[in-house]
Amino acid sequence: MPRPARPAPATEPAPAAGTSASSEIEAAIAAGQAEPLGEVIRYIVRCQGSWWVRANGRWLAAGTELSNLLDTEAPRLRAQDVAVGRRAAIRGAIALTRGVTSTADHSGP
């Protein structure tokens, strides 16, 4: 008796309404065509004129209410990223200076 033909395995199912194939968004991120919400929050991106949220291995389109909130809050969150980066740079410079000073203070004759 002949065996039934096996269907070819799908590499990635077609996205449902409101979702995008991960490969599309990932390619846009790699090409610099998608902007993450911030340095820390990289699972929310603005791409193709919309906000996308990564959940369960898929990129989901943010709804209208969430998109409006993200449009409003994104500049503030990005400014916070810049401020945190500056403070980290200052702390690093201070730590480096202390290390140099402490080495110079403890050097023998």
N, C-alpha and C. Protein backbone atom coordinates (compact mmCIF):
# COMPACT_ATOMS: atom_id res chain seq x y z
N MET A 1 0.84 -1.16 0.00
CA MET A 1 0.00 0.00 0.00
C MET A 1 0.90 1.24 0.00
N PRO A 2 0.67 2.21 -0.90
CA PRO A 2 1.52 3.40 -0.96
C PRO A 2 1.25 4.33 0.22
N ARG A 3 2.32 4.96 0.65
CA ARG A 3 2.20 5.92 1.76
C ARG A 3 1.67 7.24 1.23
N PRO A 4 0.88 7.93 2.04
CA PRO A 4 0.42 9.26 1.61
C PRO A 4 1.60 10.23 1.58
N ALA A 5 1.53 11.16 0.67
CA ALA A 5 2.60 12.16 0.56
C ALA A 5 2.60 13.06 1.78
N ARG A 6 3.80 13.37 2.25
CA ARG A 6 3.93 14.27 3.40
C ARG A 6 3.95 15.71 2.91
N PRO A 7 3.27 16.59 3.61
CA PRO A 7 3.35 18.00 3.21
C PRO A 7 4.73 18.56 3.52
N ALA A 8 5.16 19.48 2.70
CA ALA A 8 6.47 20.11 2.93
C ALA A 8 6.39 20.94 4.21
N PRO A 9 7.44 20.88 5.03
CA PRO A 9 7.40 21.68 6.27
C PRO A 9 7.41 23.17 5.96
N ALA A 10 6.64 23.90 6.69
CA ALA A 10 6.59 25.36 6.51
C ALA A 10 7.75 25.98 7.26
N THR A 11 8.42 26.92 6.64
CA THR A 11 9.52 27.59 7.32
C THR A 11 8.99 28.59 8.33
N GLU A 12 7.93 29.27 7.98
CA GLU A 12 7.30 30.21 8.91
C GLU A 12 5.87 30.40 8.45
N PRO A 13 4.92 30.20 9.35
CA PRO A 13 3.53 30.35 8.92
C PRO A 13 3.24 31.79 8.51
N ALA A 14 2.25 31.94 7.66
CA ALA A 14 1.85 33.29 7.25
C ALA A 14 1.36 34.04 8.48
N PRO A 15 1.70 35.31 8.59
CA PRO A 15 1.28 36.06 9.76
C PRO A 15 -0.23 36.26 9.79
N ALA A 16 -0.77 36.19 10.98
CA ALA A 16 -2.19 36.48 11.17
C ALA A 16 -2.39 37.98 11.09
N ALA A 17 -3.63 38.40 10.97
CA ALA A 17 -3.91 39.84 10.93
C ALA A 17 -3.35 40.48 12.19
N GLY A 18 -2.66 41.61 12.01
CA GLY A 18 -2.09 42.31 13.15
C GLY A 18 -0.72 41.80 13.55
N THR A 19 -0.19 40.84 12.81
CA THR A 19 1.15 40.35 13.10
C THR A 19 2.00 40.48 11.84
N SER A 20 3.29 40.37 12.03
CA SER A 20 4.20 40.39 10.89
C SER A 20 5.16 39.23 11.06
N ALA A 21 5.56 38.66 9.94
CA ALA A 21 6.54 37.59 10.02
C ALA A 21 7.80 38.12 10.71
N SER A 22 8.30 37.37 11.64
CA SER A 22 9.49 37.80 12.38
C SER A 22 10.62 38.17 11.46
N SER A 23 10.76 37.42 10.37
CA SER A 23 11.87 37.68 9.46
C SER A 23 11.77 39.07 8.84
N GLU A 24 10.55 39.56 8.57
CA GLU A 24 10.39 40.90 7.99
C GLU A 24 10.86 41.98 8.96
N ILE A 25 10.43 41.90 10.19
CA ILE A 25 10.80 42.90 11.19
C ILE A 25 12.28 42.78 11.52
N GLU A 26 12.77 41.57 11.68
CA GLU A 26 14.18 41.36 11.98
C GLU A 26 15.05 41.92 10.86
N ALA A 27 14.64 41.74 9.61
CA ALA A 27 15.40 42.29 8.48
C ALA A 27 15.38 43.81 8.51
N ALA A 28 14.23 44.38 8.86
CA ALA A 28 14.13 45.85 8.95
C ALA A 28 15.02 46.38 10.07
N ILE A 29 15.08 45.66 11.19
CA ILE A 29 15.96 46.06 12.30
C ILE A 29 17.42 46.02 11.84
N ALA A 30 17.80 44.93 11.19
CA ALA A 30 19.19 44.78 10.73
C ALA A 30 19.55 45.85 9.71
N ALA A 31 18.59 46.28 8.90
CA ALA A 31 18.84 47.29 7.86
C ALA A 31 18.71 48.71 8.40
N GLY A 32 18.40 48.84 9.70
CA GLY A 32 18.25 50.17 10.28
C GLY A 32 16.94 50.84 9.91
N GLN A 33 15.96 50.05 9.46
CA GLN A 33 14.67 50.60 9.06
C GLN A 33 13.63 50.49 10.16
N ALA A 34 14.01 49.96 11.30
CA ALA A 34 13.13 49.87 12.46
C ALA A 34 13.88 50.47 13.64
N GLU A 35 13.18 51.23 14.43
CA GLU A 35 13.81 51.91 15.56
C GLU A 35 13.26 51.37 16.87
N PRO A 36 14.13 50.81 17.72
CA PRO A 36 13.63 50.32 19.00
C PRO A 36 13.16 51.48 19.88
N LEU A 37 12.28 51.17 20.80
CA LEU A 37 11.77 52.18 21.71
C LEU A 37 12.89 52.79 22.53
N GLY A 38 13.90 52.01 22.86
CA GLY A 38 15.04 52.53 23.62
C GLY A 38 16.17 51.53 23.66
N GLU A 39 17.21 51.90 24.36
CA GLU A 39 18.37 51.01 24.49
C GLU A 39 18.03 49.75 25.28
N VAL A 40 17.17 49.89 26.25
CA VAL A 40 16.79 48.75 27.09
C VAL A 40 15.56 48.05 26.52
N ILE A 41 14.59 48.83 26.08
CA ILE A 41 13.34 48.26 25.58
C ILE A 41 13.47 48.06 24.07
N ARG A 42 14.03 46.92 23.71
CA ARG A 42 14.29 46.62 22.30
C ARG A 42 13.24 45.67 21.73
N TYR A 43 12.30 45.24 22.55
CA TYR A 43 11.24 44.34 22.09
C TYR A 43 10.02 45.12 21.61
N ILE A 44 10.12 46.46 21.58
CA ILE A 44 9.11 47.32 20.99
C ILE A 44 9.83 48.18 19.96
N VAL A 45 9.39 48.12 18.70
CA VAL A 45 10.05 48.89 17.65
C VAL A 45 9.02 49.65 16.82
N ARG A 46 9.51 50.73 16.21
CA ARG A 46 8.68 51.47 15.24
C ARG A 46 9.20 51.07 13.87
N CYS A 47 8.33 50.50 13.07
CA CYS A 47 8.72 49.98 11.76
C CYS A 47 7.51 50.06 10.84
N GLN A 48 7.75 50.41 9.60
CA GLN A 48 6.69 50.46 8.60
C GLN A 48 5.56 51.40 9.04
N GLY A 49 5.93 52.47 9.76
CA GLY A 49 4.95 53.46 10.20
C GLY A 49 4.09 53.03 11.36
N SER A 50 4.42 51.90 11.98
CA SER A 50 3.63 51.37 13.10
C SER A 50 4.54 50.88 14.21
N TRP A 51 3.97 50.76 15.38
CA TRP A 51 4.69 50.17 16.51
C TRP A 51 4.44 48.67 16.50
N TRP A 52 5.49 47.91 16.81
CA TRP A 52 5.43 46.45 16.86
C TRP A 52 5.99 45.98 18.19
N VAL A 53 5.37 44.96 18.76
CA VAL A 53 5.78 44.40 20.05
C VAL A 53 6.11 42.93 19.84
N ARG A 54 7.30 42.52 20.31
CA ARG A 54 7.69 41.11 20.18
C ARG A 54 7.13 40.33 21.37
N ALA A 55 6.38 39.30 21.05
CA ALA A 55 5.80 38.44 22.09
C ALA A 55 5.69 37.02 21.53
N ASN A 56 6.13 36.07 22.31
CA ASN A 56 6.05 34.67 21.93
C ASN A 56 6.67 34.40 20.55
N GLY A 57 7.80 35.07 20.28
CA GLY A 57 8.52 34.82 19.04
C GLY A 57 7.90 35.47 17.82
N ARG A 58 6.89 36.30 18.00
CA ARG A 58 6.23 36.97 16.89
C ARG A 58 6.22 38.47 17.12
N TRP A 59 6.16 39.24 16.06
CA TRP A 59 6.00 40.68 16.16
C TRP A 59 4.53 41.00 15.96
N LEU A 60 3.92 41.60 16.97
CA LEU A 60 2.50 41.95 16.93
C LEU A 60 2.35 43.45 16.75
N ALA A 61 1.43 43.85 15.90
CA ALA A 61 1.17 45.28 15.72
C ALA A 61 0.49 45.81 16.97
N ALA A 62 0.99 46.93 17.47
CA ALA A 62 0.38 47.55 18.65
C ALA A 62 -0.97 48.13 18.25
N GLY A 63 -1.93 48.04 19.13
CA GLY A 63 -3.24 48.62 18.88
C GLY A 63 -3.19 50.14 18.91
N THR A 64 -4.28 50.76 18.55
CA THR A 64 -4.34 52.22 18.45
C THR A 64 -4.00 52.91 19.77
N GLU A 65 -4.58 52.43 20.85
CA GLU A 65 -4.33 53.08 22.15
C GLU A 65 -2.87 52.97 22.57
N LEU A 66 -2.29 51.79 22.42
CA LEU A 66 -0.88 51.61 22.76
C LEU A 66 0.01 52.41 21.81
N SER A 67 -0.31 52.43 20.53
CA SER A 67 0.47 53.21 19.57
C SER A 67 0.47 54.69 19.92
N ASN A 68 -0.69 55.21 20.29
CA ASN A 68 -0.78 56.62 20.69
C ASN A 68 0.07 56.90 21.92
N LEU A 69 0.03 56.00 22.89
CA LEU A 69 0.84 56.15 24.10
C LEU A 69 2.33 56.10 23.77
N LEU A 70 2.72 55.17 22.92
CA LEU A 70 4.13 55.06 22.53
C LEU A 70 4.59 56.29 21.75
N ASP A 71 3.75 56.81 20.87
CA ASP A 71 4.09 58.03 20.14
C ASP A 71 4.34 59.18 21.10
N THR A 72 3.53 59.26 22.15
CA THR A 72 3.65 60.33 23.14
C THR A 72 4.88 60.15 24.03
N GLU A 73 5.14 58.93 24.47
CA GLU A 73 6.17 58.67 25.47
C GLU A 73 7.55 58.35 24.89
N ALA A 74 7.64 57.98 23.62
CA ALA A 74 8.93 57.58 23.04
C ALA A 74 10.00 58.66 23.17
N PRO A 75 9.71 59.93 22.89
CA PRO A 75 10.77 60.94 23.03
C PRO A 75 11.28 61.05 24.47
N ARG A 76 10.39 60.95 25.44
CA ARG A 76 10.81 61.02 26.84
C ARG A 76 11.68 59.82 27.20
N LEU A 77 11.29 58.64 26.76
CA LEU A 77 12.08 57.44 27.06
C LEU A 77 13.46 57.50 26.40
N ARG A 78 13.52 58.01 25.19
CA ARG A 78 14.82 58.14 24.51
C ARG A 78 15.70 59.16 25.23
N ALA A 79 15.10 60.25 25.71
CA ALA A 79 15.87 61.25 26.47
C ALA A 79 16.41 60.63 27.76
N GLN A 80 15.62 59.76 28.38
CA GLN A 80 16.10 59.07 29.59
C GLN A 80 17.28 58.16 29.26
N ASP A 81 17.22 57.49 28.11
CA ASP A 81 18.36 56.65 27.69
C ASP A 81 19.62 57.48 27.56
N VAL A 82 19.51 58.68 26.96
CA VAL A 82 20.66 59.57 26.79
C VAL A 82 21.19 59.99 28.15
N ALA A 83 20.30 60.36 29.08
CA ALA A 83 20.72 60.79 30.41
C ALA A 83 21.40 59.65 31.16
N VAL A 84 20.87 58.46 31.07
CA VAL A 84 21.48 57.30 31.73
C VAL A 84 22.86 57.03 31.13
N GLY A 85 22.98 57.14 29.82
CA GLY A 85 24.27 56.94 29.16
C GLY A 85 25.31 57.96 29.61
N ARG A 86 24.88 59.22 29.74
CA ARG A 86 25.80 60.27 30.22
C ARG A 86 26.27 59.98 31.64
N ARG A 87 25.32 59.63 32.49
CA ARG A 87 25.70 59.34 33.89
C ARG A 87 26.66 58.16 33.96
N ALA A 88 26.41 57.15 33.14
CA ALA A 88 27.32 55.99 33.13
C ALA A 88 28.71 56.40 32.66
N ALA A 89 28.79 57.27 31.66
CA ALA A 89 30.09 57.74 31.17
C ALA A 89 30.81 58.54 32.25
N ILE A 90 30.07 59.37 32.97
CA ILE A 90 30.67 60.17 34.05
C ILE A 90 31.17 59.26 35.16
N ARG A 91 30.33 58.28 35.54
CA ARG A 91 30.76 57.34 36.59
C ARG A 91 32.01 56.57 36.15
N GLY A 92 32.07 56.19 34.87
CA GLY A 92 33.24 55.48 34.36
C GLY A 92 34.48 56.35 34.41
N ALA A 93 34.33 57.62 34.04
CA ALA A 93 35.48 58.54 34.07
C ALA A 93 35.96 58.76 35.49
N ILE A 94 35.03 58.89 36.43
CA ILE A 94 35.39 59.08 37.84
C ILE A 94 36.11 57.85 38.36
N ALA A 95 35.57 56.67 38.03
CA ALA A 95 36.20 55.43 38.49
C ALA A 95 37.61 55.29 37.91
N LEU A 96 37.77 55.66 36.64
CA LEU A 96 39.08 55.59 36.01
C LEU A 96 40.05 56.56 36.68
N THR A 97 39.58 57.77 36.96
CA THR A 97 40.41 58.77 37.63
C THR A 97 40.80 58.30 39.02
N ARG A 98 39.87 57.73 39.74
CA ARG A 98 40.18 57.22 41.09
C ARG A 98 41.21 56.11 41.02
N GLY A 99 41.08 55.26 40.02
CA GLY A 99 42.05 54.17 39.86
C GLY A 99 43.44 54.70 39.57
N VAL A 100 43.54 55.73 38.73
CA VAL A 100 44.84 56.33 38.41
C VAL A 100 45.38 57.04 39.63
N THR A 101 44.53 57.80 40.33
CA THR A 101 44.96 58.53 41.52
C THR A 101 45.39 57.57 42.61
N SER A 102 44.62 56.52 42.79
CA SER A 102 44.96 55.58 43.85
C SER A 102 46.27 54.86 43.54
N THR A 103 46.54 54.57 42.27
CA THR A 103 47.81 53.95 41.90
C THR A 103 48.96 54.93 42.12
N ALA A 104 48.74 56.18 41.77
CA ALA A 104 49.79 57.19 41.95
C ALA A 104 50.05 57.43 43.42
N ASP A 105 49.00 57.43 44.26
CA ASP A 105 49.16 57.67 45.70
C ASP A 105 49.90 56.55 46.39
N HIS A 106 49.79 55.36 45.87
CA HIS A 106 50.39 54.22 46.56
C HIS A 106 51.70 53.76 45.95
N SER A 107 52.20 54.52 45.03
CA SER A 107 53.47 54.12 44.43
C SER A 107 54.59 54.47 45.40
N GLY A 108 55.48 53.61 45.53
CA GLY A 108 56.59 53.79 46.46
C GLY A 108 57.71 54.63 45.88
N PRO A 109 58.70 54.97 46.72
CA PRO A 109 59.84 55.77 46.24
C PRO A 109 60.67 55.07 45.21
